[in-house]
Amino acid sequence: MARLLGVEIPNEKRIEASLPYIFGIGRKTAPKILEEAGVDPNIRTGELSEEQLGKIGNAITNGGIMIEGDLRRDLQGHMKRLTSINCYRGYRHRRGLPVRGQRTSTNARTRKGKRKTVGVVRK
């Protein structure tokens, strides 16, 4: 596997499809990075030379794209700010409930976790 900016990306895929394995780079950003670096998007990651990998790395860092640890730290800071000012979104984050207005009466099992039965007493 090729290593780019500290992240392992798959060798057998096209570089355009491999770049989104880096947190902070999506399917829309990947072609822009490759165009800036002057690399063919259809080439396989395993076929890239060290020089081409360096160009892609420079295109990401010089493009001002926040990736991996910096991006995660930034997002964590945003969440911490929301919870500290006690706004509605921060309250939902703190409680582990959906933040963006989804219904919770019947769905939201991913956010709420396993069902907890309340108030059923059988003898």
PDB file of N, CA and C in Angstrom:
ATOM      1  N   MET A   1       0.836  -1.195   0.000  1.00  0.00           N
ATOM      2  CA  MET A   1       0.000   0.000   0.000  1.00  0.00           C
ATOM      3  C   MET A   1       0.872   1.246   0.000  1.00  0.00           C
ATOM      4  N   ALA A   2       0.481   2.214  -0.789  1.00  0.00           N
ATOM      5  CA  ALA A   2       1.211   3.474  -0.853  1.00  0.00           C
ATOM      6  C   ALA A   2       0.878   4.316   0.381  1.00  0.00           C
ATOM      7  N   ARG A   3       1.857   5.080   0.822  1.00  0.00           N
ATOM      8  CA  ARG A   3       1.666   5.955   1.980  1.00  0.00           C
ATOM      9  C   ARG A   3       1.700   7.396   1.515  1.00  0.00           C
ATOM     10  N   LEU A   4       0.650   8.126   1.840  1.00  0.00           N
ATOM     11  CA  LEU A   4       0.558   9.524   1.450  1.00  0.00           C
ATOM     12  C   LEU A   4       0.133  10.332   2.662  1.00  0.00           C
ATOM     13  N   LEU A   5       0.990  11.229   3.114  1.00  0.00           N
ATOM     14  CA  LEU A   5       0.743  12.084   4.276  1.00  0.00           C
ATOM     15  C   LEU A   5       0.374  11.266   5.516  1.00  0.00           C
ATOM     16  N   GLY A   6       1.051  10.136   5.693  1.00  0.00           N
ATOM     17  CA  GLY A   6       0.853   9.310   6.877  1.00  0.00           C
ATOM     18  C   GLY A   6      -0.350   8.392   6.820  1.00  0.00           C
ATOM     19  N   VAL A   7      -0.974   8.254   5.653  1.00  0.00           N
ATOM     20  CA  VAL A   7      -2.153   7.410   5.517  1.00  0.00           C
ATOM     21  C   VAL A   7      -1.900   6.361   4.441  1.00  0.00           C
ATOM     22  N   GLU A   8      -2.237   5.112   4.733  1.00  0.00           N
ATOM     23  CA  GLU A   8      -2.113   4.039   3.748  1.00  0.00           C
ATOM     24  C   GLU A   8      -3.287   4.132   2.778  1.00  0.00           C
ATOM     25  N   ILE A   9      -2.991   4.181   1.478  1.00  0.00           N
ATOM     26  CA  ILE A   9      -4.055   4.173   0.482  1.00  0.00           C
ATOM     27  C   ILE A   9      -3.873   2.960  -0.418  1.00  0.00           C
ATOM     28  N   PRO A  10      -4.976   2.336  -0.870  1.00  0.00           N
ATOM     29  CA  PRO A  10      -4.883   1.076  -1.611  1.00  0.00           C
ATOM     30  C   PRO A  10      -4.157   1.221  -2.944  1.00  0.00           C
ATOM     31  N   ASN A  11      -3.335   0.219  -3.274  1.00  0.00           N
ATOM     32  CA  ASN A  11      -2.537   0.218  -4.508  1.00  0.00           C
ATOM     33  C   ASN A  11      -3.332  -0.154  -5.746  1.00  0.00           C
ATOM     34  N   GLU A  12      -4.319  -1.032  -5.609  1.00  0.00           N
ATOM     35  CA  GLU A  12      -4.987  -1.583  -6.777  1.00  0.00           C
ATOM     36  C   GLU A  12      -6.058  -0.668  -7.366  1.00  0.00           C
ATOM     37  N   LYS A  13      -6.438   0.394  -6.653  1.00  0.00           N
ATOM     38  CA  LYS A  13      -7.465   1.308  -7.149  1.00  0.00           C
ATOM     39  C   LYS A  13      -6.854   2.476  -7.908  1.00  0.00           C
ATOM     40  N   ARG A  14      -7.694   3.147  -8.721  1.00  0.00           N
ATOM     41  CA  ARG A  14      -7.252   4.371  -9.379  1.00  0.00           C
ATOM     42  C   ARG A  14      -6.957   5.407  -8.297  1.00  0.00           C
ATOM     43  N   ILE A  15      -6.001   6.278  -8.576  1.00  0.00           N
ATOM     44  CA  ILE A  15      -5.598   7.271  -7.570  1.00  0.00           C
ATOM     45  C   ILE A  15      -6.764   8.185  -7.205  1.00  0.00           C
ATOM     46  N   GLU A  16      -7.638   8.441  -8.174  1.00  0.00           N
ATOM     47  CA  GLU A  16      -8.806   9.290  -7.923  1.00  0.00           C
ATOM     48  C   GLU A  16      -9.738   8.640  -6.889  1.00  0.00           C
ATOM     49  N   ALA A  17      -9.814   7.309  -6.898  1.00  0.00           N
ATOM     50  CA  ALA A  17     -10.651   6.592  -5.938  1.00  0.00           C
ATOM     51  C   ALA A  17      -9.911   6.315  -4.641  1.00  0.00           C
ATOM     52  N   SER A  18      -8.588   6.359  -4.654  1.00  0.00           N
ATOM     53  CA  SER A  18      -7.794   6.073  -3.453  1.00  0.00           C
ATOM     54  C   SER A  18      -7.658   7.287  -2.544  1.00  0.00           C
ATOM     55  N   LEU A  19      -7.629   8.485  -3.116  1.00  0.00           N
ATOM     56  CA  LEU A  19      -7.436   9.693  -2.306  1.00  0.00           C
ATOM     57  C   LEU A  19      -8.513   9.893  -1.241  1.00  0.00           C
ATOM     58  N   PRO A  20      -9.800   9.561  -1.506  1.00  0.00           N
ATOM     59  CA  PRO A  20     -10.795   9.746  -0.443  1.00  0.00           C
ATOM     60  C   PRO A  20     -10.593   8.871   0.792  1.00  0.00           C
ATOM     61  N   TYR A  21      -9.619   7.952   0.775  1.00  0.00           N
ATOM     62  CA  TYR A  21      -9.297   7.195   1.982  1.00  0.00           C
ATOM     63  C   TYR A  21      -8.658   8.106   3.021  1.00  0.00           C
ATOM     64  N   ILE A  22      -8.197   9.261   2.612  1.00  0.00           N
ATOM     65  CA  ILE A  22      -7.625  10.238   3.538  1.00  0.00           C
ATOM     66  C   ILE A  22      -8.777  11.063   4.099  1.00  0.00           C
ATOM     67  N   PHE A  23      -8.895  11.121   5.421  1.00  0.00           N
ATOM     68  CA  PHE A  23      -9.974  11.865   6.063  1.00  0.00           C
ATOM     69  C   PHE A  23      -9.835  13.344   5.720  1.00  0.00           C
ATOM     70  N   GLY A  24     -10.864  13.910   5.123  1.00  0.00           N
ATOM     71  CA  GLY A  24     -10.845  15.316   4.734  1.00  0.00           C
ATOM     72  C   GLY A  24     -10.789  15.512   3.235  1.00  0.00           C
ATOM     73  N   ILE A  25     -10.546  14.428   2.483  1.00  0.00           N
ATOM     74  CA  ILE A  25     -10.553  14.501   1.018  1.00  0.00           C
ATOM     75  C   ILE A  25     -11.705  13.647   0.524  1.00  0.00           C
ATOM     76  N   GLY A  26     -12.592  14.253  -0.241  1.00  0.00           N
ATOM     77  CA  GLY A  26     -13.756  13.534  -0.748  1.00  0.00           C
ATOM     78  C   GLY A  26     -13.649  13.278  -2.243  1.00  0.00           C
ATOM     79  N   ARG A  27     -14.734  12.793  -2.814  1.00  0.00           N
ATOM     80  CA  ARG A  27     -14.754  12.468  -4.238  1.00  0.00           C
ATOM     81  C   ARG A  27     -14.707  13.714  -5.112  1.00  0.00           C
ATOM     82  N   LYS A  28     -15.158  14.833  -4.601  1.00  0.00           N
ATOM     83  CA  LYS A  28     -15.115  16.081  -5.376  1.00  0.00           C
ATOM     84  C   LYS A  28     -13.742  16.735  -5.305  1.00  0.00           C
ATOM     85  N   THR A  29     -13.082  16.620  -4.163  1.00  0.00           N
ATOM     86  CA  THR A  29     -11.790  17.272  -3.962  1.00  0.00           C
ATOM     87  C   THR A  29     -10.658  16.521  -4.649  1.00  0.00           C
ATOM     88  N   ALA A  30     -10.764  15.192  -4.724  1.00  0.00           N
ATOM     89  CA  ALA A  30      -9.683  14.362  -5.278  1.00  0.00           C
ATOM     90  C   ALA A  30      -9.299  14.763  -6.706  1.00  0.00           C
ATOM     91  N   PRO A  31     -10.257  14.919  -7.647  1.00  0.00           N
ATOM     92  CA  PRO A  31      -9.853  15.311  -9.011  1.00  0.00           C
ATOM     93  C   PRO A  31      -9.191  16.689  -9.069  1.00  0.00           C
ATOM     94  N   LYS A  32      -9.620  17.603  -8.209  1.00  0.00           N
ATOM     95  CA  LYS A  32      -9.025  18.943  -8.177  1.00  0.00           C
ATOM     96  C   LYS A  32      -7.568  18.866  -7.744  1.00  0.00           C
ATOM     97  N   ILE A  33      -7.295  18.027  -6.750  1.00  0.00           N
ATOM     98  CA  ILE A  33      -5.927  17.853  -6.261  1.00  0.00           C
ATOM     99  C   ILE A  33      -5.054  17.265  -7.354  1.00  0.00           C
ATOM    100  N   LEU A  34      -5.569  16.237  -8.041  1.00  0.00           N
ATOM    101  CA  LEU A  34      -4.797  15.577  -9.101  1.00  0.00           C
ATOM    102  C   LEU A  34      -4.535  16.516 -10.267  1.00  0.00           C
ATOM    103  N   GLU A  35      -5.501  17.355 -10.591  1.00  0.00           N
ATOM    104  CA  GLU A  35      -5.315  18.332 -11.675  1.00  0.00           C
ATOM    105  C   GLU A  35      -4.229  19.333 -11.303  1.00  0.00           C
ATOM    106  N   GLU A  36      -4.255  19.780 -10.040  1.00  0.00           N
ATOM    107  CA  GLU A  36      -3.249  20.732  -9.561  1.00  0.00           C
ATOM    108  C   GLU A  36      -1.850  20.108  -9.554  1.00  0.00           C
ATOM    109  N   ALA A  37      -1.793  18.796  -9.224  1.00  0.00           N
ATOM    110  CA  ALA A  37      -0.504  18.102  -9.165  1.00  0.00           C
ATOM    111  C   ALA A  37      -0.031  17.663 -10.548  1.00  0.00           C
ATOM    112  N   GLY A  38      -0.929  17.673 -11.528  1.00  0.00           N
ATOM    113  CA  GLY A  38      -0.570  17.248 -12.877  1.00  0.00           C
ATOM    114  C   GLY A  38      -0.419  15.742 -12.999  1.00  0.00           C
ATOM    115  N   VAL A  39      -1.270  14.994 -12.305  1.00  0.00           N
ATOM    116  CA  VAL A  39      -1.219  13.537 -12.330  1.00  0.00           C
ATOM    117  C   VAL A  39      -2.493  13.020 -12.993  1.00  0.00           C
ATOM    118  N   ASP A  40      -2.349  11.986 -13.835  1.00  0.00           N
ATOM    119  CA  ASP A  40      -3.487  11.376 -14.516  1.00  0.00           C
ATOM    120  C   ASP A  40      -4.378  10.675 -13.488  1.00  0.00           C
ATOM    121  N   PRO A  41      -5.682  10.999 -13.424  1.00  0.00           N
ATOM    122  CA  PRO A  41      -6.557  10.382 -12.417  1.00  0.00           C
ATOM    123  C   PRO A  41      -6.831   8.900 -12.664  1.00  0.00           C
ATOM    124  N   ASN A  42      -6.561   8.392 -13.888  1.00  0.00           N
ATOM    125  CA  ASN A  42      -6.856   6.994 -14.203  1.00  0.00           C
ATOM    126  C   ASN A  42      -5.720   6.037 -13.862  1.00  0.00           C
ATOM    127  N   ILE A  43      -4.557   6.552 -13.468  1.00  0.00           N
ATOM    128  CA  ILE A  43      -3.416   5.697 -13.148  1.00  0.00           C
ATOM    129  C   ILE A  43      -3.660   5.014 -11.798  1.00  0.00           C
ATOM    130  N   ARG A  44      -3.200   3.777 -11.671  1.00  0.00           N
ATOM    131  CA  ARG A  44      -3.353   3.034 -10.414  1.00  0.00           C
ATOM    132  C   ARG A  44      -2.363   3.579  -9.384  1.00  0.00           C
ATOM    133  N   THR A  45      -2.740   3.513  -8.132  1.00  0.00           N
ATOM    134  CA  THR A  45      -1.897   4.054  -7.066  1.00  0.00           C
ATOM    135  C   THR A  45      -0.549   3.342  -7.001  1.00  0.00           C
ATOM    136  N   GLY A  46      -0.535   2.035  -7.233  1.00  0.00           N
ATOM    137  CA  GLY A  46       0.695   1.270  -7.183  1.00  0.00           C
ATOM    138  C   GLY A  46       1.677   1.636  -8.279  1.00  0.00           C
ATOM    139  N   GLU A  47       1.185   2.234  -9.369  1.00  0.00           N
ATOM    140  CA  GLU A  47       2.034   2.604 -10.503  1.00  0.00           C
ATOM    141  C   GLU A  47       2.627   4.006 -10.365  1.00  0.00           C
ATOM    142  N   LEU A  48       2.253   4.734  -9.318  1.00  0.00           N
ATOM    143  CA  LEU A  48       2.747   6.095  -9.131  1.00  0.00           C
ATOM    144  C   LEU A  48       4.217   6.081  -8.708  1.00  0.00           C
ATOM    145  N   SER A  49       4.975   7.052  -9.212  1.00  0.00           N
ATOM    146  CA  SER A  49       6.370   7.189  -8.784  1.00  0.00           C
ATOM    147  C   SER A  49       6.422   8.018  -7.504  1.00  0.00           C
ATOM    148  N   GLU A  50       7.573   8.002  -6.859  1.00  0.00           N
ATOM    149  CA  GLU A  50       7.758   8.791  -5.636  1.00  0.00           C
ATOM    150  C   GLU A  50       7.579  10.280  -5.930  1.00  0.00           C
ATOM    151  N   GLU A  51       8.021  10.698  -7.109  1.00  0.00           N
ATOM    152  CA  GLU A  51       7.899  12.103  -7.503  1.00  0.00           C
ATOM    153  C   GLU A  51       6.431  12.511  -7.609  1.00  0.00           C
ATOM    154  N   GLN A  52       5.604  11.644  -8.216  1.00  0.00           N
ATOM    155  CA  GLN A  52       4.184  11.940  -8.360  1.00  0.00           C
ATOM    156  C   GLN A  52       3.492  11.972  -6.994  1.00  0.00           C
ATOM    157  N   LEU A  53       3.861  11.033  -6.121  1.00  0.00           N
ATOM    158  CA  LEU A  53       3.290  11.041  -4.769  1.00  0.00           C
ATOM    159  C   LEU A  53       3.658  12.328  -4.030  1.00  0.00           C
ATOM    160  N   GLY A  54       4.887  12.777  -4.221  1.00  0.00           N
ATOM    161  CA  GLY A  54       5.320  14.036  -3.614  1.00  0.00           C
ATOM    162  C   GLY A  54       4.532  15.219  -4.135  1.00  0.00           C
ATOM    163  N   LYS A  55       4.271  15.233  -5.456  1.00  0.00           N
ATOM    164  CA  LYS A  55       3.486  16.319  -6.047  1.00  0.00           C
ATOM    165  C   LYS A  55       2.066  16.345  -5.481  1.00  0.00           C
ATOM    166  N   ILE A  56       1.482  15.157  -5.318  1.00  0.00           N
ATOM    167  CA  ILE A  56       0.122  15.081  -4.759  1.00  0.00           C
ATOM    168  C   ILE A  56       0.133  15.577  -3.313  1.00  0.00           C
ATOM    169  N   GLY A  57       1.135  15.165  -2.545  1.00  0.00           N
ATOM    170  CA  GLY A  57       1.249  15.620  -1.153  1.00  0.00           C
ATOM    171  C   GLY A  57       1.406  17.125  -1.065  1.00  0.00           C
ATOM    172  N   ASN A  58       2.226  17.698  -1.954  1.00  0.00           N
ATOM    173  CA  ASN A  58       2.396  19.151  -1.979  1.00  0.00           C
ATOM    174  C   ASN A  58       1.111  19.861  -2.375  1.00  0.00           C
ATOM    175  N   ALA A  59       0.381  19.290  -3.332  1.00  0.00           N
ATOM    176  CA  ALA A  59      -0.882  19.905  -3.770  1.00  0.00           C
ATOM    177  C   ALA A  59      -1.882  19.951  -2.615  1.00  0.00           C
ATOM    178  N   ILE A  60      -1.880  18.908  -1.784  1.00  0.00           N
ATOM    179  CA  ILE A  60      -2.806  18.872  -0.639  1.00  0.00           C
ATOM    180  C   ILE A  60      -2.396  19.900   0.412  1.00  0.00           C
ATOM    181  N   THR A  61      -1.099  19.929   0.751  1.00  0.00           N
ATOM    182  CA  THR A  61      -0.652  20.849   1.803  1.00  0.00           C
ATOM    183  C   THR A  61      -0.701  22.304   1.338  1.00  0.00           C
ATOM    184  N   ASN A  62      -0.309  22.570   0.089  1.00  0.00           N
ATOM    185  CA  ASN A  62      -0.308  23.940  -0.423  1.00  0.00           C
ATOM    186  C   ASN A  62      -1.705  24.442  -0.729  1.00  0.00           C
ATOM    187  N   GLY A  63      -2.647  23.516  -0.973  1.00  0.00           N
ATOM    188  CA  GLY A  63      -4.023  23.896  -1.276  1.00  0.00           C
ATOM    189  C   GLY A  63      -4.803  24.336  -0.055  1.00  0.00           C
ATOM    190  N   GLY A  64      -4.211  24.210   1.115  1.00  0.00           N
ATOM    191  CA  GLY A  64      -4.888  24.635   2.340  1.00  0.00           C
ATOM    192  C   GLY A  64      -5.989  23.681   2.760  1.00  0.00           C
ATOM    193  N   ILE A  65      -5.907  22.419   2.330  1.00  0.00           N
ATOM    194  CA  ILE A  65      -6.915  21.429   2.688  1.00  0.00           C
ATOM    195  C   ILE A  65      -6.539  20.839   4.039  1.00  0.00           C
ATOM    196  N   MET A  66      -7.456  20.919   4.978  1.00  0.00           N
ATOM    197  CA  MET A  66      -7.215  20.372   6.301  1.00  0.00           C
ATOM    198  C   MET A  66      -7.546  18.882   6.266  1.00  0.00           C
ATOM    199  N   ILE A  67      -6.612  18.023   6.712  1.00  0.00           N
ATOM    200  CA  ILE A  67      -6.828  16.582   6.661  1.00  0.00           C
ATOM    201  C   ILE A  67      -6.471  15.924   7.979  1.00  0.00           C
ATOM    202  N   GLU A  68      -6.943  14.692   8.139  1.00  0.00           N
ATOM    203  CA  GLU A  68      -6.623  13.797   9.250  1.00  0.00           C
ATOM    204  C   GLU A  68      -6.678  14.467  10.621  1.00  0.00           C
ATOM    205  N   GLY A  69      -5.596  14.447  11.370  1.00  0.00           N
ATOM    206  CA  GLY A  69      -5.585  14.878  12.776  1.00  0.00           C
ATOM    207  C   GLY A  69      -6.008  16.314  12.977  1.00  0.00           C
ATOM    208  N   ASP A  70      -5.528  17.218  12.116  1.00  0.00           N
ATOM    209  CA  ASP A  70      -5.892  18.636  12.248  1.00  0.00           C
ATOM    210  C   ASP A  70      -7.398  18.824  12.078  1.00  0.00           C
ATOM    211  N   LEU A  71      -7.963  18.143  11.085  1.00  0.00           N
ATOM    212  CA  LEU A  71      -9.399  18.260  10.819  1.00  0.00           C
ATOM    213  C   LEU A  71     -10.211  17.670  11.967  1.00  0.00           C
ATOM    214  N   ARG A  72      -9.794  16.508  12.455  1.00  0.00           N
ATOM    215  CA  ARG A  72     -10.503  15.879  13.583  1.00  0.00           C
ATOM    216  C   ARG A  72     -10.462  16.780  14.821  1.00  0.00           C
ATOM    217  N   ARG A  73      -9.294  17.377  15.078  1.00  0.00           N
ATOM    218  CA  ARG A  73      -9.136  18.282  16.225  1.00  0.00           C
ATOM    219  C   ARG A  73     -10.035  19.507  16.068  1.00  0.00           C
ATOM    220  N   ASP A  74     -10.120  20.030  14.853  1.00  0.00           N
ATOM    221  CA  ASP A  74     -10.956  21.186  14.565  1.00  0.00           C
ATOM    222  C   ASP A  74     -12.435  20.859  14.811  1.00  0.00           C
ATOM    223  N   LEU A  75     -12.889  19.709  14.306  1.00  0.00           N
ATOM    224  CA  LEU A  75     -14.282  19.306  14.494  1.00  0.00           C
ATOM    225  C   LEU A  75     -14.589  19.080  15.968  1.00  0.00           C
ATOM    226  N   GLN A  76     -13.630  18.484  16.682  1.00  0.00           N
ATOM    227  CA  GLN A  76     -13.808  18.258  18.120  1.00  0.00           C
ATOM    228  C   GLN A  76     -13.934  19.594  18.859  1.00  0.00           C
ATOM    229  N   GLY A  77     -13.146  20.585  18.430  1.00  0.00           N
ATOM    230  CA  GLY A  77     -13.226  21.918  19.022  1.00  0.00           C
ATOM    231  C   GLY A  77     -14.578  22.572  18.792  1.00  0.00           C
ATOM    232  N   HIS A  78     -15.126  22.378  17.590  1.00  0.00           N
ATOM    233  CA  HIS A  78     -16.458  22.925  17.295  1.00  0.00           C
ATOM    234  C   HIS A  78     -17.516  22.310  18.213  1.00  0.00           C
ATOM    235  N   MET A  79     -17.432  20.983  18.385  1.00  0.00           N
ATOM    236  CA  MET A  79     -18.402  20.309  19.255  1.00  0.00           C
ATOM    237  C   MET A  79     -18.253  20.750  20.699  1.00  0.00           C
ATOM    238  N   LYS A  80     -17.013  20.898  21.156  1.00  0.00           N
ATOM    239  CA  LYS A  80     -16.760  21.329  22.528  1.00  0.00           C
ATOM    240  C   LYS A  80     -17.313  22.738  22.763  1.00  0.00           C
ATOM    241  N   ARG A  81     -17.146  23.615  21.757  1.00  0.00           N
ATOM    242  CA  ARG A  81     -17.677  24.976  21.864  1.00  0.00           C
ATOM    243  C   ARG A  81     -19.198  24.954  21.973  1.00  0.00           C
ATOM    244  N   LEU A  82     -19.862  24.142  21.149  1.00  0.00           N
ATOM    245  CA  LEU A  82     -21.318  24.061  21.181  1.00  0.00           C
ATOM    246  C   LEU A  82     -21.828  23.557  22.528  1.00  0.00           C
ATOM    247  N   THR A  83     -21.134  22.562  23.090  1.00  0.00           N
ATOM    248  CA  THR A  83     -21.579  22.044  24.381  1.00  0.00           C
ATOM    249  C   THR A  83     -21.300  23.038  25.509  1.00  0.00           C
ATOM    250  N   SER A  84     -20.219  23.793  25.397  1.00  0.00           N
ATOM    251  CA  SER A  84     -19.878  24.725  26.487  1.00  0.00           C
ATOM    252  C   SER A  84     -20.813  25.935  26.531  1.00  0.00           C
ATOM    253  N   ILE A  85     -21.345  26.362  25.390  1.00  0.00           N
ATOM    254  CA  ILE A  85     -22.249  27.513  25.400  1.00  0.00           C
ATOM    255  C   ILE A  85     -23.699  27.097  25.630  1.00  0.00           C
ATOM    256  N   ASN A  86     -23.908  25.794  25.843  1.00  0.00           N
ATOM    257  CA  ASN A  86     -25.239  25.256  26.168  1.00  0.00           C
ATOM    258  C   ASN A  86     -26.302  25.583  25.123  1.00  0.00           C
ATOM    259  N   CYS A  87     -25.914  25.548  23.860  1.00  0.00           N
ATOM    260  CA  CYS A  87     -26.912  25.756  22.822  1.00  0.00           C
ATOM    261  C   CYS A  87     -27.628  24.435  22.549  1.00  0.00           C
ATOM    262  N   TYR A  88     -28.691  24.480  21.758  1.00  0.00           N
ATOM    263  CA  TYR A  88     -29.512  23.304  21.488  1.00  0.00           C
ATOM    264  C   TYR A  88     -28.689  22.182  20.861  1.00  0.00           C
ATOM    265  N   ARG A  89     -27.867  22.517  19.861  1.00  0.00           N
ATOM    266  CA  ARG A  89     -27.041  21.498  19.203  1.00  0.00           C
ATOM    267  C   ARG A  89     -26.051  20.874  20.175  1.00  0.00           C
ATOM    268  N   GLY A  90     -25.480  21.700  21.053  1.00  0.00           N
ATOM    269  CA  GLY A  90     -24.549  21.184  22.054  1.00  0.00           C
ATOM    270  C   GLY A  90     -25.233  20.239  23.032  1.00  0.00           C
ATOM    271  N   TYR A  91     -26.449  20.594  23.406  1.00  0.00           N
ATOM    272  CA  TYR A  91     -27.250  19.754  24.296  1.00  0.00           C
ATOM    273  C   TYR A  91     -27.503  18.397  23.654  1.00  0.00           C
ATOM    274  N   ARG A  92     -27.844  18.387  22.361  1.00  0.00           N
ATOM    275  CA  ARG A  92     -28.102  17.127  21.645  1.00  0.00           C
ATOM    276  C   ARG A  92     -26.827  16.293  21.544  1.00  0.00           C
ATOM    277  N   HIS A  93     -25.683  16.948  21.297  1.00  0.00           N
ATOM    278  CA  HIS A  93     -24.410  16.229  21.248  1.00  0.00           C
ATOM    279  C   HIS A  93     -24.118  15.587  22.605  1.00  0.00           C
ATOM    280  N   ARG A  94     -24.325  16.358  23.667  1.00  0.00           N
ATOM    281  CA  ARG A  94     -24.032  15.884  25.012  1.00  0.00           C
ATOM    282  C   ARG A  94     -24.892  14.681  25.377  1.00  0.00           C
ATOM    283  N   ARG A  95     -26.159  14.711  24.975  1.00  0.00           N
ATOM    284  CA  ARG A  95     -27.086  13.630  25.287  1.00  0.00           C
ATOM    285  C   ARG A  95     -26.966  12.429  24.348  1.00  0.00           C
ATOM    286  N   GLY A  96     -26.218  12.596  23.241  1.00  0.00           N
ATOM    287  CA  GLY A  96     -26.074  11.507  22.281  1.00  0.00           C
ATOM    288  C   GLY A  96     -27.310  11.299  21.435  1.00  0.00           C
ATOM    289  N   LEU A  97     -28.018  12.396  21.146  1.00  0.00           N
ATOM    290  CA  LEU A  97     -29.224  12.341  20.322  1.00  0.00           C
ATOM    291  C   LEU A  97     -28.940  12.945  18.957  1.00  0.00           C
ATOM    292  N   PRO A  98     -29.804  12.702  17.953  1.00  0.00           N
ATOM    293  CA  PRO A  98     -29.594  13.310  16.644  1.00  0.00           C
ATOM    294  C   PRO A  98     -29.602  14.831  16.744  1.00  0.00           C
ATOM    295  N   VAL A  99     -28.712  15.473  16.012  1.00  0.00           N
ATOM    296  CA  VAL A  99     -28.492  16.905  16.151  1.00  0.00           C
ATOM    297  C   VAL A  99     -29.276  17.707  15.123  1.00  0.00           C
ATOM    298  N   ARG A 100     -29.537  17.146  13.962  1.00  0.00           N
ATOM    299  CA  ARG A 100     -30.053  17.940  12.848  1.00  0.00           C
ATOM    300  C   ARG A 100     -31.547  17.780  12.592  1.00  0.00           C
ATOM    301  N   GLY A 101     -32.340  17.637  13.640  1.00  0.00           N
ATOM    302  CA  GLY A 101     -33.782  17.687  13.488  1.00  0.00           C
ATOM    303  C   GLY A 101     -34.455  16.394  13.080  1.00  0.00           C
ATOM    304  N   GLN A 102     -33.756  15.265  13.116  1.00  0.00           N
ATOM    305  CA  GLN A 102     -34.387  14.011  12.743  1.00  0.00           C
ATOM    306  C   GLN A 102     -35.384  13.585  13.822  1.00  0.00           C
ATOM    307  N   ARG A 103     -36.328  12.730  13.436  1.00  0.00           N
ATOM    308  CA  ARG A 103     -37.305  12.238  14.396  1.00  0.00           C
ATOM    309  C   ARG A 103     -36.640  11.203  15.304  1.00  0.00           C
ATOM    310  N   THR A 104     -37.071  11.156  16.556  1.00  0.00           N
ATOM    311  CA  THR A 104     -36.471  10.206  17.492  1.00  0.00           C
ATOM    312  C   THR A 104     -37.515   9.281  18.094  1.00  0.00           C
ATOM    313  N   SER A 105     -38.776   9.505  17.758  1.00  0.00           N
ATOM    314  CA  SER A 105     -39.838   8.682  18.322  1.00  0.00           C
ATOM    315  C   SER A 105     -39.682   7.231  17.909  1.00  0.00           C
ATOM    316  N   THR A 106     -39.419   6.984  16.620  1.00  0.00           N
ATOM    317  CA  THR A 106     -39.325   5.602  16.151  1.00  0.00           C
ATOM    318  C   THR A 106     -37.939   5.240  15.631  1.00  0.00           C
ATOM    319  N   ASN A 107     -37.181   6.193  15.134  1.00  0.00           N
ATOM    320  CA  ASN A 107     -35.884   5.879  14.550  1.00  0.00           C
ATOM    321  C   ASN A 107     -34.746   6.341  15.465  1.00  0.00           C
ATOM    322  N   ALA A 108     -33.602   6.628  14.915  1.00  0.00           N
ATOM    323  CA  ALA A 108     -32.425   7.137  15.642  1.00  0.00           C
ATOM    324  C   ALA A 108     -31.782   6.088  16.523  1.00  0.00           C
ATOM    325  N   ARG A 109     -31.900   4.805  16.172  1.00  0.00           N
ATOM    326  CA  ARG A 109     -31.294   3.757  16.985  1.00  0.00           C
ATOM    327  C   ARG A 109     -29.776   3.830  16.965  1.00  0.00           C
ATOM    328  N   THR A 110     -29.192   4.279  15.869  1.00  0.00           N
ATOM    329  CA  THR A 110     -27.745   4.377  15.794  1.00  0.00           C
ATOM    330  C   THR A 110     -27.231   5.365  16.836  1.00  0.00           C
ATOM    331  N   ARG A 111     -27.885   6.501  16.951  1.00  0.00           N
ATOM    332  CA  ARG A 111     -27.464   7.545  17.879  1.00  0.00           C
ATOM    333  C   ARG A 111     -27.827   7.203  19.322  1.00  0.00           C
ATOM    334  N   LYS A 112     -29.046   6.642  19.518  1.00  0.00           N
ATOM    335  CA  LYS A 112     -29.533   6.405  20.867  1.00  0.00           C
ATOM    336  C   LYS A 112     -28.998   5.115  21.481  1.00  0.00           C
ATOM    337  N   GLY A 113     -28.576   4.172  20.666  1.00  0.00           N
ATOM    338  CA  GLY A 113     -28.051   2.910  21.173  1.00  0.00           C
ATOM    339  C   GLY A 113     -29.134   1.860  21.317  1.00  0.00           C
ATOM    340  N   LYS A 114     -28.793   0.785  22.015  1.00  0.00           N
ATOM    341  CA  LYS A 114     -29.718  -0.330  22.180  1.00  0.00           C
ATOM    342  C   LYS A 114     -30.945   0.113  22.961  1.00  0.00           C
ATOM    343  N   ARG A 115     -32.099  -0.461  22.619  1.00  0.00           N
ATOM    344  CA  ARG A 115     -33.348  -0.085  23.289  1.00  0.00           C
ATOM    345  C   ARG A 115     -33.291  -0.416  24.777  1.00  0.00           C
ATOM    346  N   LYS A 116     -33.840   0.504  25.590  1.00  0.00           N
ATOM    347  CA  LYS A 116     -33.957   0.272  27.026  1.00  0.00           C
ATOM    348  C   LYS A 116     -35.444   0.292  27.346  1.00  0.00           C
ATOM    349  N   THR A 117     -35.981  -0.823  27.751  1.00  0.00           N
ATOM    350  CA  THR A 117     -37.407  -0.896  28.077  1.00  0.00           C
ATOM    351  C   THR A 117     -37.633  -0.215  29.417  1.00  0.00           C
ATOM    352  N   VAL A 118     -38.679   0.645  29.451  1.00  0.00           N
ATOM    353  CA  VAL A 118     -38.946   1.420  30.657  1.00  0.00           C
ATOM    354  C   VAL A 118     -40.379   1.176  31.087  1.00  0.00           C
ATOM    355  N   GLY A 119     -40.593   0.917  32.365  1.00  0.00           N
ATOM    356  CA  GLY A 119     -41.927   0.894  32.926  1.00  0.00           C
ATOM    357  C   GLY A 119     -42.739  -0.368  32.716  1.00  0.00           C
ATOM    358  N   VAL A 120     -42.153  -1.475  32.302  1.00  0.00           N
ATOM    359  CA  VAL A 120     -42.905  -2.708  32.125  1.00  0.00           C
ATOM    360  C   VAL A 120     -42.626  -3.621  33.319  1.00  0.00           C
ATOM    361  N   VAL A 121     -43.668  -3.903  34.096  1.00  0.00           N
ATOM    362  CA  VAL A 121     -43.511  -4.773  35.254  1.00  0.00           C
ATOM    363  C   VAL A 121     -44.432  -5.966  35.051  1.00  0.00           C
ATOM    364  N   ARG A 122     -43.890  -7.176  35.001  1.00  0.00           N
ATOM    365  CA  ARG A 122     -44.698  -8.378  34.801  1.00  0.00           C
ATOM    366  C   ARG A 122     -44.462  -9.325  35.964  1.00  0.00           C
ATOM    367  N   LYS A 123     -45.563  -9.941  36.416  1.00  0.00           N
ATOM    368  CA  LYS A 123     -45.435 -10.909  37.520  1.00  0.00           C
ATOM    369  C   LYS A 123     -46.070 -12.206  37.166  1.00  0.00           C
TER     370      LYS A 123
END
